[in-house]
Amino acid sequence: MKKILIVDDEINIGLLLSKFLTRNSYAVETTTSGSSALDILSKQAFDLVLCDYRLEDTDGKEMLIKIKENYPRTGVIIITGYSDIKLAVELIKLGAYDYITKPLYPDEILNTINKA
């Protein structure tokens, strides 16, 4: 069973994603800040991190860099409400598996996670 960490400062999005992914046989944890996500990652391994780009205490780029430096085998998918092709390309070059824009569609999320 793949373990997924969801990092999104919008609690409702984290809960919806968690319920959806749990029903699809994933082990899921959620958090609302970058600092708590890094703390969780230091204590247990995850196969994948779904990280919102805009967090209150950091951004998705900084999270991606820290995760890839410290946990290179952990996949990272960035989620954002803002579509920016230049940013998407930069994040992919830094090691993100994918970049998904909101609104989130369950089939798209599941398809991307299954490929990651």
PDB file of N, CA and C in Angstrom:
ATOM      1  N   MET A   1       0.845  -1.180   0.000  1.00  0.00           N
ATOM      2  CA  MET A   1       0.000   0.000   0.000  1.00  0.00           C
ATOM      3  C   MET A   1       0.890   1.243   0.000  1.00  0.00           C
ATOM      4  N   LYS A   2       0.688   2.123  -0.977  1.00  0.00           N
ATOM      5  CA  LYS A   2       1.460   3.363  -1.055  1.00  0.00           C
ATOM      6  C   LYS A   2       1.067   4.300   0.081  1.00  0.00           C
ATOM      7  N   LYS A   3       2.090   4.929   0.686  1.00  0.00           N
ATOM      8  CA  LYS A   3       1.848   5.923   1.732  1.00  0.00           C
ATOM      9  C   LYS A   3       1.982   7.311   1.121  1.00  0.00           C
ATOM     10  N   ILE A   4       0.970   8.134   1.357  1.00  0.00           N
ATOM     11  CA  ILE A   4       0.931   9.476   0.779  1.00  0.00           C
ATOM     12  C   ILE A   4       0.774  10.510   1.886  1.00  0.00           C
ATOM     13  N   LEU A   5       1.578  11.566   1.809  1.00  0.00           N
ATOM     14  CA  LEU A   5       1.449  12.701   2.712  1.00  0.00           C
ATOM     15  C   LEU A   5       0.861  13.862   1.922  1.00  0.00           C
ATOM     16  N   ILE A   6      -0.259  14.396   2.411  1.00  0.00           N
ATOM     17  CA  ILE A   6      -0.911  15.546   1.776  1.00  0.00           C
ATOM     18  C   ILE A   6      -0.570  16.788   2.586  1.00  0.00           C
ATOM     19  N   VAL A   7      -0.045  17.815   1.911  1.00  0.00           N
ATOM     20  CA  VAL A   7       0.316  19.072   2.563  1.00  0.00           C
ATOM     21  C   VAL A   7      -0.478  20.182   1.882  1.00  0.00           C
ATOM     22  N   ASP A   8      -1.501  20.676   2.575  1.00  0.00           N
ATOM     23  CA  ASP A   8      -2.342  21.737   2.006  1.00  0.00           C
ATOM     24  C   ASP A   8      -2.904  22.567   3.146  1.00  0.00           C
ATOM     25  N   ASP A   9      -2.732  23.892   3.072  1.00  0.00           N
ATOM     26  CA  ASP A   9      -3.228  24.741   4.147  1.00  0.00           C
ATOM     27  C   ASP A   9      -4.747  24.906   4.124  1.00  0.00           C
ATOM     28  N   GLU A  10      -5.394  24.438   3.080  1.00  0.00           N
ATOM     29  CA  GLU A  10      -6.858  24.417   3.037  1.00  0.00           C
ATOM     30  C   GLU A  10      -7.308  23.067   3.597  1.00  0.00           C
ATOM     31  N   ILE A  11      -7.765  23.081   4.838  1.00  0.00           N
ATOM     32  CA  ILE A  11      -8.104  21.845   5.546  1.00  0.00           C
ATOM     33  C   ILE A  11      -9.105  21.000   4.774  1.00  0.00           C
ATOM     34  N   ASN A  12     -10.115  21.623   4.192  1.00  0.00           N
ATOM     35  CA  ASN A  12     -11.145  20.863   3.471  1.00  0.00           C
ATOM     36  C   ASN A  12     -10.579  20.103   2.275  1.00  0.00           C
ATOM     37  N   ILE A  13      -9.645  20.697   1.566  1.00  0.00           N
ATOM     38  CA  ILE A  13      -9.029  20.005   0.424  1.00  0.00           C
ATOM     39  C   ILE A  13      -8.240  18.800   0.921  1.00  0.00           C
ATOM     40  N   GLY A  14      -7.485  18.983   1.992  1.00  0.00           N
ATOM     41  CA  GLY A  14      -6.738  17.869   2.567  1.00  0.00           C
ATOM     42  C   GLY A  14      -7.641  16.728   2.994  1.00  0.00           C
ATOM     43  N   LEU A  15      -8.768  17.068   3.632  1.00  0.00           N
ATOM     44  CA  LEU A  15      -9.708  16.032   4.080  1.00  0.00           C
ATOM     45  C   LEU A  15     -10.357  15.314   2.908  1.00  0.00           C
ATOM     46  N   LEU A  16     -10.778  16.059   1.901  1.00  0.00           N
ATOM     47  CA  LEU A  16     -11.393  15.431   0.728  1.00  0.00           C
ATOM     48  C   LEU A  16     -10.419  14.500   0.017  1.00  0.00           C
ATOM     49  N   LEU A  17      -9.191  14.968  -0.185  1.00  0.00           N
ATOM     50  CA  LEU A  17      -8.176  14.129  -0.826  1.00  0.00           C
ATOM     51  C   LEU A  17      -7.891  12.887   0.013  1.00  0.00           C
ATOM     52  N   SER A  18      -7.798  13.074   1.322  1.00  0.00           N
ATOM     53  CA  SER A  18      -7.517  11.957   2.215  1.00  0.00           C
ATOM     54  C   SER A  18      -8.607  10.892   2.137  1.00  0.00           C
ATOM     55  N   LYS A  19      -9.860  11.307   2.216  1.00  0.00           N
ATOM     56  CA  LYS A  19     -10.977  10.350   2.136  1.00  0.00           C
ATOM     57  C   LYS A  19     -10.981   9.628   0.796  1.00  0.00           C
ATOM     58  N   PHE A  20     -10.794  10.377  -0.277  1.00  0.00           N
ATOM     59  CA  PHE A  20     -10.803   9.789  -1.617  1.00  0.00           C
ATOM     60  C   PHE A  20      -9.673   8.773  -1.781  1.00  0.00           C
ATOM     61  N   LEU A  21      -8.473   9.136  -1.362  1.00  0.00           N
ATOM     62  CA  LEU A  21      -7.325   8.249  -1.537  1.00  0.00           C
ATOM     63  C   LEU A  21      -7.395   7.039  -0.607  1.00  0.00           C
ATOM     64  N   THR A  22      -7.922   7.220   0.593  1.00  0.00           N
ATOM     65  CA  THR A  22      -8.097   6.093   1.512  1.00  0.00           C
ATOM     66  C   THR A  22      -9.061   5.072   0.915  1.00  0.00           C
ATOM     67  N   ARG A  23     -10.146   5.552   0.308  1.00  0.00           N
ATOM     68  CA  ARG A  23     -11.103   4.648  -0.349  1.00  0.00           C
ATOM     69  C   ARG A  23     -10.472   3.912  -1.526  1.00  0.00           C
ATOM     70  N   ASN A  24      -9.397   4.467  -2.065  1.00  0.00           N
ATOM     71  CA  ASN A  24      -8.699   3.835  -3.185  1.00  0.00           C
ATOM     72  C   ASN A  24      -7.442   3.091  -2.722  1.00  0.00           C
ATOM     73  N   SER A  25      -7.455   2.665  -1.474  1.00  0.00           N
ATOM     74  CA  SER A  25      -6.424   1.780  -0.895  1.00  0.00           C
ATOM     75  C   SER A  25      -5.049   2.410  -0.694  1.00  0.00           C
ATOM     76  N   TYR A  26      -5.008   3.699  -0.397  1.00  0.00           N
ATOM     77  CA  TYR A  26      -3.752   4.351  -0.042  1.00  0.00           C
ATOM     78  C   TYR A  26      -3.757   4.651   1.450  1.00  0.00           C
ATOM     79  N   ALA A  27      -2.582   4.588   2.071  1.00  0.00           N
ATOM     80  CA  ALA A  27      -2.418   5.026   3.456  1.00  0.00           C
ATOM     81  C   ALA A  27      -2.095   6.519   3.387  1.00  0.00           C
ATOM     82  N   VAL A  28      -2.882   7.339   4.063  1.00  0.00           N
ATOM     83  CA  VAL A  28      -2.775   8.790   3.892  1.00  0.00           C
ATOM     84  C   VAL A  28      -2.636   9.502   5.233  1.00  0.00           C
ATOM     85  N   GLU A  29      -1.764  10.514   5.251  1.00  0.00           N
ATOM     86  CA  GLU A  29      -1.680  11.454   6.360  1.00  0.00           C
ATOM     87  C   GLU A  29      -1.795  12.845   5.784  1.00  0.00           C
ATOM     88  N   THR A  30      -2.360  13.764   6.564  1.00  0.00           N
ATOM     89  CA  THR A  30      -2.485  15.145   6.094  1.00  0.00           C
ATOM     90  C   THR A  30      -1.876  16.102   7.110  1.00  0.00           C
ATOM     91  N   THR A  31      -1.425  17.230   6.598  1.00  0.00           N
ATOM     92  CA  THR A  31      -0.942  18.311   7.437  1.00  0.00           C
ATOM     93  C   THR A  31      -1.172  19.627   6.699  1.00  0.00           C
ATOM     94  N   THR A  32      -1.110  20.725   7.436  1.00  0.00           N
ATOM     95  CA  THR A  32      -1.434  22.020   6.831  1.00  0.00           C
ATOM     96  C   THR A  32      -0.234  22.953   6.670  1.00  0.00           C
ATOM     97  N   SER A  33       0.954  22.515   7.083  1.00  0.00           N
ATOM     98  CA  SER A  33       2.111  23.409   6.954  1.00  0.00           C
ATOM     99  C   SER A  33       3.349  22.657   6.482  1.00  0.00           C
ATOM    100  N   GLY A  34       4.252  23.405   5.904  1.00  0.00           N
ATOM    101  CA  GLY A  34       5.499  22.821   5.436  1.00  0.00           C
ATOM    102  C   GLY A  34       6.351  22.308   6.580  1.00  0.00           C
ATOM    103  N   SER A  35       6.416  23.068   7.674  1.00  0.00           N
ATOM    104  CA  SER A  35       7.248  22.648   8.807  1.00  0.00           C
ATOM    105  C   SER A  35       6.742  21.349   9.419  1.00  0.00           C
ATOM    106  N   SER A  36       5.436  21.208   9.562  1.00  0.00           N
ATOM    107  CA  SER A  36       4.912  19.956  10.125  1.00  0.00           C
ATOM    108  C   SER A  36       5.103  18.801   9.142  1.00  0.00           C
ATOM    109  N   ALA A  37       5.024  19.074   7.840  1.00  0.00           N
ATOM    110  CA  ALA A  37       5.259  18.029   6.839  1.00  0.00           C
ATOM    111  C   ALA A  37       6.690  17.510   6.938  1.00  0.00           C
ATOM    112  N   LEU A  38       7.654  18.416   7.074  1.00  0.00           N
ATOM    113  CA  LEU A  38       9.051  17.996   7.190  1.00  0.00           C
ATOM    114  C   LEU A  38       9.285  17.216   8.476  1.00  0.00           C
ATOM    115  N   ASP A  39       8.592  17.599   9.548  1.00  0.00           N
ATOM    116  CA  ASP A  39       8.685  16.863  10.808  1.00  0.00           C
ATOM    117  C   ASP A  39       8.136  15.442  10.645  1.00  0.00           C
ATOM    118  N   ILE A  40       6.995  15.319   9.994  1.00  0.00           N
ATOM    119  CA  ILE A  40       6.387  14.005   9.745  1.00  0.00           C
ATOM    120  C   ILE A  40       7.311  13.156   8.877  1.00  0.00           C
ATOM    121  N   LEU A  41       7.867  13.752   7.833  1.00  0.00           N
ATOM    122  CA  LEU A  41       8.769  13.022   6.933  1.00  0.00           C
ATOM    123  C   LEU A  41      10.033  12.536   7.651  1.00  0.00           C
ATOM    124  N   SER A  42      10.466  13.262   8.673  1.00  0.00           N
ATOM    125  CA  SER A  42      11.669  12.854   9.414  1.00  0.00           C
ATOM    126  C   SER A  42      11.409  11.633  10.289  1.00  0.00           C
ATOM    127  N   LYS A  43      10.130  11.345  10.548  1.00  0.00           N
ATOM    128  CA  LYS A  43       9.771  10.243  11.443  1.00  0.00           C
ATOM    129  C   LYS A  43       9.275   8.999  10.726  1.00  0.00           C
ATOM    130  N   GLN A  44       8.812   9.147   9.496  1.00  0.00           N
ATOM    131  CA  GLN A  44       8.323   7.989   8.745  1.00  0.00           C
ATOM    132  C   GLN A  44       8.473   8.212   7.248  1.00  0.00           C
ATOM    133  N   ALA A  45       8.591   7.109   6.538  1.00  0.00           N
ATOM    134  CA  ALA A  45       8.791   7.173   5.087  1.00  0.00           C
ATOM    135  C   ALA A  45       7.454   7.238   4.356  1.00  0.00           C
ATOM    136  N   PHE A  46       7.436   8.015   3.282  1.00  0.00           N
ATOM    137  CA  PHE A  46       6.266   8.118   2.409  1.00  0.00           C
ATOM    138  C   PHE A  46       6.715   7.856   0.979  1.00  0.00           C
ATOM    139  N   ASP A  47       5.827   7.254   0.212  1.00  0.00           N
ATOM    140  CA  ASP A  47       6.111   7.030  -1.199  1.00  0.00           C
ATOM    141  C   ASP A  47       5.923   8.307  -2.003  1.00  0.00           C
ATOM    142  N   LEU A  48       4.979   9.141  -1.545  1.00  0.00           N
ATOM    143  CA  LEU A  48       4.584  10.305  -2.331  1.00  0.00           C
ATOM    144  C   LEU A  48       4.112  11.430  -1.422  1.00  0.00           C
ATOM    145  N   VAL A  49       4.428  12.669  -1.821  1.00  0.00           N
ATOM    146  CA  VAL A  49       3.913  13.858  -1.137  1.00  0.00           C
ATOM    147  C   VAL A  49       3.116  14.660  -2.152  1.00  0.00           C
ATOM    148  N   LEU A  50       1.859  14.948  -1.810  1.00  0.00           N
ATOM    149  CA  LEU A  50       1.035  15.876  -2.596  1.00  0.00           C
ATOM    150  C   LEU A  50       1.118  17.198  -1.860  1.00  0.00           C
ATOM    151  N   CYS A  51       1.758  18.191  -2.455  1.00  0.00           N
ATOM    152  CA  CYS A  51       2.034  19.443  -1.754  1.00  0.00           C
ATOM    153  C   CYS A  51       1.439  20.636  -2.487  1.00  0.00           C
ATOM    154  N   ASP A  52       0.637  21.402  -1.770  1.00  0.00           N
ATOM    155  CA  ASP A  52       0.109  22.643  -2.318  1.00  0.00           C
ATOM    156  C   ASP A  52       1.285  23.598  -2.531  1.00  0.00           C
ATOM    157  N   TYR A  53       1.226  24.395  -3.592  1.00  0.00           N
ATOM    158  CA  TYR A  53       2.335  25.304  -3.871  1.00  0.00           C
ATOM    159  C   TYR A  53       2.395  26.449  -2.863  1.00  0.00           C
ATOM    160  N   ARG A  54       1.245  26.994  -2.508  1.00  0.00           N
ATOM    161  CA  ARG A  54       1.232  28.147  -1.602  1.00  0.00           C
ATOM    162  C   ARG A  54       0.802  27.716  -0.208  1.00  0.00           C
ATOM    163  N   LEU A  55       1.780  27.664   0.682  1.00  0.00           N
ATOM    164  CA  LEU A  55       1.532  27.335   2.077  1.00  0.00           C
ATOM    165  C   LEU A  55       1.818  28.572   2.914  1.00  0.00           C
ATOM    166  N   GLU A  56       1.286  28.598   4.133  1.00  0.00           N
ATOM    167  CA  GLU A  56       1.470  29.787   4.967  1.00  0.00           C
ATOM    168  C   GLU A  56       2.924  30.006   5.371  1.00  0.00           C
ATOM    169  N   ASP A  57       3.675  28.912   5.590  1.00  0.00           N
ATOM    170  CA  ASP A  57       5.035  29.062   6.098  1.00  0.00           C
ATOM    171  C   ASP A  57       6.140  28.810   5.069  1.00  0.00           C
ATOM    172  N   THR A  58       5.769  28.429   3.849  1.00  0.00           N
ATOM    173  CA  THR A  58       6.762  28.179   2.800  1.00  0.00           C
ATOM    174  C   THR A  58       6.033  28.048   1.468  1.00  0.00           C
ATOM    175  N   ASP A  59       6.746  27.620   0.443  1.00  0.00           N
ATOM    176  CA  ASP A  59       6.059  27.361  -0.828  1.00  0.00           C
ATOM    177  C   ASP A  59       6.470  25.990  -1.361  1.00  0.00           C
ATOM    178  N   GLY A  60       5.775  25.554  -2.382  1.00  0.00           N
ATOM    179  CA  GLY A  60       5.999  24.231  -2.943  1.00  0.00           C
ATOM    180  C   GLY A  60       7.401  24.023  -3.484  1.00  0.00           C
ATOM    181  N   LYS A  61       8.007  25.073  -4.012  1.00  0.00           N
ATOM    182  CA  LYS A  61       9.374  24.958  -4.542  1.00  0.00           C
ATOM    183  C   LYS A  61      10.354  24.635  -3.418  1.00  0.00           C
ATOM    184  N   GLU A  62      10.267  25.364  -2.321  1.00  0.00           N
ATOM    185  CA  GLU A  62      11.150  25.110  -1.179  1.00  0.00           C
ATOM    186  C   GLU A  62      10.903  23.727  -0.595  1.00  0.00           C
ATOM    187  N   MET A  63       9.636  23.330  -0.511  1.00  0.00           N
ATOM    188  CA  MET A  63       9.303  21.989  -0.010  1.00  0.00           C
ATOM    189  C   MET A  63       9.900  20.924  -0.924  1.00  0.00           C
ATOM    190  N   LEU A  64       9.742  21.105  -2.216  1.00  0.00           N
ATOM    191  CA  LEU A  64      10.276  20.154  -3.188  1.00  0.00           C
ATOM    192  C   LEU A  64      11.788  20.001  -3.024  1.00  0.00           C
ATOM    193  N   ILE A  65      12.491  21.112  -2.916  1.00  0.00           N
ATOM    194  CA  ILE A  65      13.949  21.078  -2.761  1.00  0.00           C
ATOM    195  C   ILE A  65      14.340  20.326  -1.488  1.00  0.00           C
ATOM    196  N   LYS A  66      13.684  20.641  -0.368  1.00  0.00           N
ATOM    197  CA  LYS A  66      14.012  19.986   0.907  1.00  0.00           C
ATOM    198  C   LYS A  66      13.684  18.498   0.872  1.00  0.00           C
ATOM    199  N   ILE A  67      12.549  18.153   0.301  1.00  0.00           N
ATOM    200  CA  ILE A  67      12.163  16.735   0.233  1.00  0.00           C
ATOM    201  C   ILE A  67      13.146  15.966  -0.634  1.00  0.00           C
ATOM    202  N   LYS A  68      13.486  16.500  -1.789  1.00  0.00           N
ATOM    203  CA  LYS A  68      14.397  15.798  -2.698  1.00  0.00           C
ATOM    204  C   LYS A  68      15.814  15.701  -2.125  1.00  0.00           C
ATOM    205  N   GLU A  69      16.248  16.711  -1.367  1.00  0.00           N
ATOM    206  CA  GLU A  69      17.572  16.662  -0.731  1.00  0.00           C
ATOM    207  C   GLU A  69      17.627  15.591   0.354  1.00  0.00           C
ATOM    208  N   ASN A  70      16.572  15.519   1.155  1.00  0.00           N
ATOM    209  CA  ASN A  70      16.572  14.633   2.318  1.00  0.00           C
ATOM    210  C   ASN A  70      15.924  13.270   2.088  1.00  0.00           C
ATOM    211  N   TYR A  71      14.999  13.194   1.149  1.00  0.00           N
ATOM    212  CA  TYR A  71      14.253  11.953   0.892  1.00  0.00           C
ATOM    213  C   TYR A  71      14.134  11.750  -0.618  1.00  0.00           C
ATOM    214  N   PRO A  72      15.265  11.501  -1.292  1.00  0.00           N
ATOM    215  CA  PRO A  72      15.267  11.474  -2.761  1.00  0.00           C
ATOM    216  C   PRO A  72      14.355  10.417  -3.392  1.00  0.00           C
ATOM    217  N   ARG A  73      13.998   9.388  -2.645  1.00  0.00           N
ATOM    218  CA  ARG A  73      13.133   8.343  -3.204  1.00  0.00           C
ATOM    219  C   ARG A  73      11.647   8.682  -3.072  1.00  0.00           C
ATOM    220  N   THR A  74      11.333   9.749  -2.369  1.00  0.00           N
ATOM    221  CA  THR A  74       9.941  10.164  -2.191  1.00  0.00           C
ATOM    222  C   THR A  74       9.508  11.012  -3.383  1.00  0.00           C
ATOM    223  N   GLY A  75       8.432  10.606  -4.035  1.00  0.00           N
ATOM    224  CA  GLY A  75       7.897  11.382  -5.148  1.00  0.00           C
ATOM    225  C   GLY A  75       7.152  12.611  -4.647  1.00  0.00           C
ATOM    226  N   VAL A  76       7.144  13.655  -5.446  1.00  0.00           N
ATOM    227  CA  VAL A  76       6.450  14.893  -5.075  1.00  0.00           C
ATOM    228  C   VAL A  76       5.584  15.350  -6.240  1.00  0.00           C
ATOM    229  N   ILE A  77       4.319  15.611  -5.936  1.00  0.00           N
ATOM    230  CA  ILE A  77       3.395  16.211  -6.900  1.00  0.00           C
ATOM    231  C   ILE A  77       2.961  17.540  -6.311  1.00  0.00           C
ATOM    232  N   ILE A  78       3.129  18.610  -7.072  1.00  0.00           N
ATOM    233  CA  ILE A  78       2.744  19.948  -6.621  1.00  0.00           C
ATOM    234  C   ILE A  78       1.326  20.241  -7.097  1.00  0.00           C
ATOM    235  N   ILE A  79       0.515  20.770  -6.168  1.00  0.00           N
ATOM    236  CA  ILE A  79      -0.866  21.152  -6.474  1.00  0.00           C
ATOM    237  C   ILE A  79      -0.964  22.666  -6.317  1.00  0.00           C
ATOM    238  N   THR A  80      -1.613  23.326  -7.254  1.00  0.00           N
ATOM    239  CA  THR A  80      -1.741  24.777  -7.143  1.00  0.00           C
ATOM    240  C   THR A  80      -3.028  25.284  -7.771  1.00  0.00           C
ATOM    241  N   GLY A  81      -3.472  26.407  -7.284  1.00  0.00           N
ATOM    242  CA  GLY A  81      -4.640  27.069  -7.852  1.00  0.00           C
ATOM    243  C   GLY A  81      -4.257  28.015  -8.978  1.00  0.00           C
ATOM    244  N   TYR A  82      -2.959  28.136  -9.239  1.00  0.00           N
ATOM    245  CA  TYR A  82      -2.469  29.077 -10.239  1.00  0.00           C
ATOM    246  C   TYR A  82      -1.738  28.327 -11.344  1.00  0.00           C
ATOM    247  N   SER A  83      -2.169  28.511 -12.557  1.00  0.00           N
ATOM    248  CA  SER A  83      -1.531  27.841 -13.689  1.00  0.00           C
ATOM    249  C   SER A  83      -0.402  28.723 -14.215  1.00  0.00           C
ATOM    250  N   ASP A  84       0.815  28.220 -14.147  1.00  0.00           N
ATOM    251  CA  ASP A  84       1.988  28.963 -14.593  1.00  0.00           C
ATOM    252  C   ASP A  84       2.949  27.969 -15.244  1.00  0.00           C
ATOM    253  N   ILE A  85       3.005  27.987 -16.560  1.00  0.00           N
ATOM    254  CA  ILE A  85       3.803  27.014 -17.305  1.00  0.00           C
ATOM    255  C   ILE A  85       5.287  27.104 -16.943  1.00  0.00           C
ATOM    256  N   LYS A  86       5.827  28.319 -16.818  1.00  0.00           N
ATOM    257  CA  LYS A  86       7.244  28.473 -16.473  1.00  0.00           C
ATOM    258  C   LYS A  86       7.544  27.842 -15.120  1.00  0.00           C
ATOM    259  N   LEU A  87       6.655  28.065 -14.164  1.00  0.00           N
ATOM    260  CA  LEU A  87       6.840  27.488 -12.838  1.00  0.00           C
ATOM    261  C   LEU A  87       6.735  25.967 -12.896  1.00  0.00           C
ATOM    262  N   ALA A  88       5.775  25.466 -13.640  1.00  0.00           N
ATOM    263  CA  ALA A  88       5.604  24.012 -13.774  1.00  0.00           C
ATOM    264  C   ALA A  88       6.869  23.373 -14.332  1.00  0.00           C
ATOM    265  N   VAL A  89       7.440  23.960 -15.364  1.00  0.00           N
ATOM    266  CA  VAL A  89       8.668  23.430 -15.971  1.00  0.00           C
ATOM    267  C   VAL A  89       9.812  23.467 -14.958  1.00  0.00           C
ATOM    268  N   GLU A  90       9.932  24.569 -14.237  1.00  0.00           N
ATOM    269  CA  GLU A  90      10.990  24.695 -13.229  1.00  0.00           C
ATOM    270  C   GLU A  90      10.852  23.615 -12.152  1.00  0.00           C
ATOM    271  N   LEU A  91       9.627  23.388 -11.684  1.00  0.00           N
ATOM    272  CA  LEU A  91       9.402  22.387 -10.638  1.00  0.00           C
ATOM    273  C   LEU A  91       9.702  20.972 -11.131  1.00  0.00           C
ATOM    274  N   ILE A  92       9.340  20.687 -12.360  1.00  0.00           N
ATOM    275  CA  ILE A  92       9.636  19.368 -12.938  1.00  0.00           C
ATOM    276  C   ILE A  92      11.159  19.181 -13.031  1.00  0.00           C
ATOM    277  N   LYS A  93      11.867  20.229 -13.458  1.00  0.00           N
ATOM    278  CA  LYS A  93      13.332  20.149 -13.550  1.00  0.00           C
ATOM    279  C   LYS A  93      13.975  19.943 -12.179  1.00  0.00           C
ATOM    280  N   LEU A  94      13.324  20.462 -11.134  1.00  0.00           N
ATOM    281  CA  LEU A  94      13.845  20.301  -9.775  1.00  0.00           C
ATOM    282  C   LEU A  94      13.503  18.934  -9.179  1.00  0.00           C
ATOM    283  N   GLY A  95      12.686  18.157  -9.886  1.00  0.00           N
ATOM    284  CA  GLY A  95      12.405  16.803  -9.417  1.00  0.00           C
ATOM    285  C   GLY A  95      10.964  16.467  -9.120  1.00  0.00           C
ATOM    286  N   ALA A  96      10.045  17.417  -9.300  1.00  0.00           N
ATOM    287  CA  ALA A  96       8.629  17.095  -9.081  1.00  0.00           C
ATOM    288  C   ALA A  96       8.174  16.092 -10.134  1.00  0.00           C
ATOM    289  N   TYR A  97       7.338  15.148  -9.716  1.00  0.00           N
ATOM    290  CA  TYR A  97       6.818  14.189 -10.687  1.00  0.00           C
ATOM    291  C   TYR A  97       5.812  14.870 -11.610  1.00  0.00           C
ATOM    292  N   ASP A  98       4.982  15.734 -11.035  1.00  0.00           N
ATOM    293  CA  ASP A  98       3.966  16.419 -11.839  1.00  0.00           C
ATOM    294  C   ASP A  98       3.516  17.678 -11.121  1.00  0.00           C
ATOM    295  N   TYR A  99       2.706  18.461 -11.818  1.00  0.00           N
ATOM    296  CA  TYR A  99       2.198  19.755 -11.359  1.00  0.00           C
ATOM    297  C   TYR A  99       0.726  19.768 -11.754  1.00  0.00           C
ATOM    298  N   ILE A 100      -0.164  19.776 -10.763  1.00  0.00           N
ATOM    299  CA  ILE A 100      -1.602  19.690 -11.032  1.00  0.00           C
ATOM    300  C   ILE A 100      -2.272  20.983 -10.585  1.00  0.00           C
ATOM    301  N   THR A 101      -3.123  21.535 -11.440  1.00  0.00           N
ATOM    302  CA  THR A 101      -3.826  22.767 -11.082  1.00  0.00           C
ATOM    303  C   THR A 101      -5.222  22.461 -10.543  1.00  0.00           C
ATOM    304  N   LYS A 102      -5.641  23.306  -9.597  1.00  0.00           N
ATOM    305  CA  LYS A 102      -6.998  23.220  -9.054  1.00  0.00           C
ATOM    306  C   LYS A 102      -7.937  23.859 -10.058  1.00  0.00           C
ATOM    307  N   PRO A 103      -9.184  23.454 -10.150  1.00  0.00           N
ATOM    308  CA  PRO A 103      -9.837  22.465  -9.293  1.00  0.00           C
ATOM    309  C   PRO A 103      -9.303  21.068  -9.565  1.00  0.00           C
ATOM    310  N   LEU A 104      -9.321  20.267  -8.503  1.00  0.00           N
ATOM    311  CA  LEU A 104      -8.814  18.897  -8.594  1.00  0.00           C
ATOM    312  C   LEU A 104      -9.921  17.961  -9.053  1.00  0.00           C
ATOM    313  N   TYR A 105      -9.574  17.096  -9.983  1.00  0.00           N
ATOM    314  CA  TYR A 105     -10.519  16.095 -10.478  1.00  0.00           C
ATOM    315  C   TYR A 105     -10.049  14.726 -10.004  1.00  0.00           C
ATOM    316  N   PRO A 106     -10.912  13.972  -9.320  1.00  0.00           N
ATOM    317  CA  PRO A 106     -10.505  12.687  -8.742  1.00  0.00           C
ATOM    318  C   PRO A 106      -9.800  11.754  -9.718  1.00  0.00           C
ATOM    319  N   ASP A 107     -10.325  11.597 -10.916  1.00  0.00           N
ATOM    320  CA  ASP A 107      -9.699  10.689 -11.881  1.00  0.00           C
ATOM    321  C   ASP A 107      -8.299  11.151 -12.268  1.00  0.00           C
ATOM    322  N   GLU A 108      -8.128  12.460 -12.421  1.00  0.00           N
ATOM    323  CA  GLU A 108      -6.812  13.007 -12.777  1.00  0.00           C
ATOM    324  C   GLU A 108      -5.808  12.757 -11.652  1.00  0.00           C
ATOM    325  N   ILE A 109      -6.229  13.020 -10.418  1.00  0.00           N
ATOM    326  CA  ILE A 109      -5.356  12.798  -9.263  1.00  0.00           C
ATOM    327  C   ILE A 109      -4.952  11.329  -9.175  1.00  0.00           C
ATOM    328  N   LEU A 110      -5.942  10.449  -9.254  1.00  0.00           N
ATOM    329  CA  LEU A 110      -5.683   9.012  -9.137  1.00  0.00           C
ATOM    330  C   LEU A 110      -4.760   8.525 -10.250  1.00  0.00           C
ATOM    331  N   ASN A 111      -5.000   8.976 -11.460  1.00  0.00           N
ATOM    332  CA  ASN A 111      -4.166   8.592 -12.598  1.00  0.00           C
ATOM    333  C   ASN A 111      -2.718   9.047 -12.392  1.00  0.00           C
ATOM    334  N   THR A 112      -2.540  10.271 -11.949  1.00  0.00           N
ATOM    335  CA  THR A 112      -1.196  10.810 -11.727  1.00  0.00           C
ATOM    336  C   THR A 112      -0.488  10.063 -10.603  1.00  0.00           C
ATOM    337  N   ILE A 113      -1.202   9.791  -9.515  1.00  0.00           N
ATOM    338  CA  ILE A 113      -0.612   9.065  -8.385  1.00  0.00           C
ATOM    339  C   ILE A 113      -0.221   7.654  -8.800  1.00  0.00           C
ATOM    340  N   ASN A 114      -1.065   6.995  -9.547  1.00  0.00           N
ATOM    341  CA  ASN A 114      -0.766   5.629  -9.980  1.00  0.00           C
ATOM    342  C   ASN A 114       0.473   5.565 -10.867  1.00  0.00           C
ATOM    343  N   LYS A 115       0.737   6.626 -11.613  1.00  0.00           N
ATOM    344  CA  LYS A 115       1.912   6.665 -12.487  1.00  0.00           C
ATOM    345  C   LYS A 115       3.186   7.046 -11.733  1.00  0.00           C
ATOM    346  N   ALA A 116       3.016   7.786 -10.638  1.00  0.00           N
ATOM    347  CA  ALA A 116       4.185   8.299  -9.890  1.00  0.00           C
ATOM    348  C   ALA A 116       4.966   7.180  -9.222  1.00  0.00           C
TER     349      ALA A 116
END
